[in-house]
Protein backbone atom coordinates (compact mmCIF):
# COMPACT_ATOMS: atom_id res chain seq x y z
CA MET A 1 -7.55 14.29 -9.12
CA THR A 2 -10.89 14.10 -9.83
CA PRO A 3 -13.73 13.69 -7.03
CA ASN A 4 -14.41 10.05 -7.23
CA THR A 5 -10.79 9.69 -6.94
CA ASP A 6 -10.76 12.17 -4.07
CA THR A 7 -13.38 10.04 -2.70
CA LYS A 8 -11.85 6.69 -3.21
CA LEU A 9 -8.58 8.16 -1.74
CA SER A 10 -10.50 9.52 1.51
CA SER A 11 -11.91 6.15 2.02
CA LEU A 12 -8.58 4.30 1.90
CA TRP A 13 -7.26 7.02 4.11
CA GLU A 14 -9.55 6.14 6.72
CA GLY A 15 -9.01 2.82 6.73
CA CYS A 16 -5.12 3.39 6.93
CA LEU A 17 -5.96 5.26 10.07
CA GLN A 18 -7.71 2.19 11.49
CA ASN A 19 -4.49 0.23 10.58
CA ASP A 20 -6.29 -1.95 8.09
CA ARG A 21 -3.38 -3.40 5.97
CA LYS A 22 -5.64 -4.04 2.78
CA GLN A 23 -6.68 -0.12 2.68
CA GLN A 24 -2.79 0.41 3.23
CA GLU A 25 -2.06 -1.79 0.38
CA GLN A 26 -4.72 -0.17 -1.85
CA LEU A 27 -3.65 3.09 -1.08
CA TYR A 28 0.05 2.11 -1.94
CA LYS A 29 -1.04 0.36 -5.23
CA MET A 30 -3.18 3.87 -5.98
CA LEU A 31 -0.32 6.33 -5.23
CA ALA A 32 2.95 4.42 -5.92
CA PRO A 33 2.94 5.32 -9.78
CA LYS A 34 2.63 8.81 -9.15
CA MET A 35 4.90 8.81 -6.39
CA LEU A 36 7.51 6.62 -8.19
CA ALA A 37 7.42 9.57 -10.65
CA VAL A 38 8.57 12.24 -8.06
CA CYS A 39 11.32 9.70 -6.54
CA MET A 40 12.84 9.34 -10.24
CA ARG A 41 13.17 12.97 -10.66
CA TYR A 42 15.70 12.85 -7.57
CA ALA A 43 17.04 9.42 -8.23
CA LYS A 44 19.84 8.58 -10.62
CA ASP A 45 17.91 5.32 -11.55
CA LYS A 46 14.84 3.30 -11.14
CA ASP A 47 16.26 1.35 -8.43
CA GLU A 48 17.02 4.04 -6.51
CA ALA A 49 13.69 5.68 -7.04
CA GLN A 50 12.29 2.59 -5.66
CA ASP A 51 14.09 2.77 -2.54
CA ILE A 52 13.17 6.49 -2.10
CA LEU A 53 9.69 5.45 -2.70
CA GLN A 54 9.65 2.81 -0.17
CA GLU A 55 11.41 4.74 2.58
CA GLY A 56 8.76 7.31 1.66
CA PHE A 57 5.79 4.92 2.23
CA ILE A 58 7.19 3.68 5.48
CA LYS A 59 7.52 7.29 6.79
CA MET A 60 4.09 8.07 5.73
CA PHE A 61 2.41 4.98 7.44
CA LYS A 62 4.51 5.57 10.52
CA ASN A 63 3.39 9.37 10.55
CA MET A 64 -0.26 8.97 9.43
CA LYS A 65 -1.58 10.77 12.63
CA ASN A 66 0.36 13.82 11.69
CA TYR A 67 -1.61 14.67 8.91
CA ARG A 68 -4.06 17.23 9.77
CA GLY A 69 -6.47 17.26 7.04
CA GLU A 70 -5.36 20.50 5.91
CA GLY A 71 -4.61 20.86 1.84
CA SER A 72 -4.44 17.73 -0.15
CA LEU A 73 -3.71 14.24 1.23
CA GLU A 74 -1.82 13.40 -1.86
CA GLY A 75 0.07 16.72 -1.88
CA TRP A 76 1.46 15.78 2.00
CA ILE A 77 2.38 12.45 0.80
CA ARG A 78 4.45 13.93 -2.42
CA ARG A 79 6.24 16.15 0.31
CA ILE A 80 6.95 13.11 2.38
CA MET A 81 8.41 11.39 -0.99
CA VAL A 82 10.53 14.51 -1.75
CA HIS A 83 11.89 14.72 1.76
CA SER A 84 12.94 11.09 1.56
CA ALA A 85 14.72 12.02 -1.44
CA ILE A 86 16.48 14.83 0.65
CA SER A 87 16.98 12.39 3.57
CA ARG A 88 18.93 9.90 1.23
CA TYR A 89 20.95 12.57 -0.32
CA ARG A 90 22.03 13.90 3.29
CA LYS A 91 22.96 10.35 4.27
CA ALA A 92 25.04 9.96 1.21
CA LYS A 93 26.29 13.53 1.04
CA THR A 94 29.85 13.64 -0.26
CA MET A 95 29.09 17.21 -1.34
CA VAL A 96 31.71 18.43 -3.22
CA LEU A 97 30.58 20.38 -6.47
CA VAL A 98 33.46 19.42 -8.95
CA ASP A 99 32.49 19.09 -12.48
CA ASP A 100 33.03 15.64 -13.05
CA PHE A 101 29.91 15.44 -15.09
CA ALA A 102 31.77 15.54 -18.28
CA GLU A 103 34.04 12.32 -17.02
CA GLN A 104 30.92 10.09 -16.99
CA ASN A 105 29.96 10.51 -20.57
CA ILE A 106 26.88 8.64 -20.56
CA PRO A 107 25.29 8.41 -23.87
CA VAL A 108 21.55 9.50 -24.61
CA SER A 109 18.97 8.02 -26.36
CA SER A 110 18.11 9.95 -29.50
CA SER A 111 14.77 9.97 -30.53
CA TYR A 112 14.58 13.92 -30.69
CA ASN A 113 12.53 15.23 -33.67
CA ALA A 114 11.22 18.22 -35.05
CA ASN A 115 8.70 18.27 -32.44
CA GLY A 116 11.24 18.77 -29.51
CA LEU A 117 12.69 16.72 -26.78
CA GLU A 118 10.71 13.85 -25.31
CA ALA A 119 10.09 13.75 -21.85
CA GLN A 120 11.66 10.51 -20.77
CA GLU A 121 14.72 11.85 -22.75
CA LEU A 122 14.77 15.00 -20.58
CA MET A 123 13.97 12.88 -17.41
CA GLN A 124 17.46 11.00 -18.39
CA MET A 125 19.26 14.17 -18.69
CA VAL A 126 18.21 15.18 -15.51
CA GLN A 127 19.05 11.79 -14.02
CA GLN A 128 22.28 12.11 -15.38
CA LEU A 129 23.16 15.27 -13.37
CA PRO A 130 25.58 14.78 -10.44
CA LYS A 131 23.49 14.50 -7.26
CA THR A 132 23.86 17.48 -5.92
CA TYR A 133 22.78 19.30 -9.31
CA ARG A 134 20.00 16.83 -9.57
CA SER A 135 18.58 17.63 -6.30
CA VAL A 136 18.53 21.27 -6.28
CA PHE A 137 17.26 21.72 -10.01
CA ASN A 138 14.54 19.14 -8.84
CA MET A 139 13.50 20.93 -5.78
CA TYR A 140 13.70 24.54 -7.50
CA ALA A 141 12.61 24.02 -11.17
CA ILE A 142 9.87 20.97 -10.37
CA GLU A 143 8.81 21.33 -6.54
CA GLY A 144 9.15 25.02 -6.51
CA TYR A 145 11.05 25.40 -3.34
CA SER A 146 12.83 28.73 -2.94
CA HIS A 147 16.71 28.62 -2.60
CA GLN A 148 16.48 29.43 1.09
CA GLU A 149 14.66 26.58 1.68
CA ILE A 150 16.49 24.43 -0.56
CA GLY A 151 19.71 25.77 1.21
CA SER A 152 18.05 24.60 4.44
CA SER A 153 17.44 21.36 3.46
CA LEU A 154 20.24 20.32 1.94
CA GLY A 155 22.85 22.13 4.38
CA MET A 156 24.36 25.13 1.85
CA SER A 157 23.97 28.63 1.56
CA GLU A 158 21.31 30.09 -0.62
CA LEU A 159 24.13 31.55 -2.88
CA LEU A 160 25.51 28.21 -3.48
CA SER A 161 21.84 26.73 -4.00
CA ARG A 162 21.76 29.63 -6.73
CA THR A 163 25.03 28.63 -8.13
CA THR A 164 24.45 25.10 -8.32
CA LEU A 165 21.03 25.37 -10.27
CA HIS A 166 22.67 27.61 -12.33
CA ARG A 167 25.48 25.31 -13.23
CA ALA A 168 22.93 22.57 -13.56
CA ARG A 169 20.98 24.49 -16.05
CA ALA A 170 24.22 24.99 -18.00
CA ILE A 171 25.04 21.27 -17.98
CA LEU A 172 21.29 20.91 -19.32
CA LYS A 173 21.80 23.28 -21.92
CA GLU A 174 25.05 21.82 -23.07
CA LYS A 175 23.70 18.61 -23.35
CA LEU A 176 20.48 19.66 -25.33
CA ASN A 177 22.57 21.65 -27.62
CA SER A 178 24.82 18.73 -28.32
CA LEU A 179 21.74 16.66 -28.98
CA ALA A 180 20.45 19.39 -31.40
CA THR A 181 23.73 19.68 -33.17
CA ARG A 182 24.16 15.44 -33.58
CA GLU A 183 20.31 15.44 -34.93
CA ARG A 184 21.55 18.31 -37.66
CA HIS A 185 24.40 16.20 -38.69
CA CYS A 186 22.27 13.01 -38.91
CA LEU A 187 19.47 14.89 -40.97
CA ALA A 188 22.29 16.61 -43.16
CA GLY A 189 23.54 12.82 -43.70
């Protein structure tokens, strides 16, 4: 964030603490796009991501007094979004690590080019991972959680977290290889 954005965020936050609804709305509008991107990494689709976003903002507004001013406010709110996604995961927990991924057979749009895979396509691939794999992958690769933290958050052992990450990466690698093979065949003609 730029210094000007930080100042605006701080000003909005002060208004939120005073229970000013207009300031809360402006804070939401300012941060919702960034936080939705965080939620999209944990959700299977945009609707689920928006649900997580709403739950996260509700938690944030209910717990505003808990922010002690230590560290980045945006980072604190981001962490709430991640925890909201984890809570949703726990509620819907049907934690059976079965390789049902191959049965889903969801097509991936292909605009792959010589410059590499577009971020949107990679996001689609991650969203297609089974929920447990997607959560572990995001928490480790994107959010920087340790396997111990992931295990504690998701109610699994550290070893299971490592195994799940390995499987998620293998699925993504297989999908990338498959995409590259299809592209070579299309180019060969």
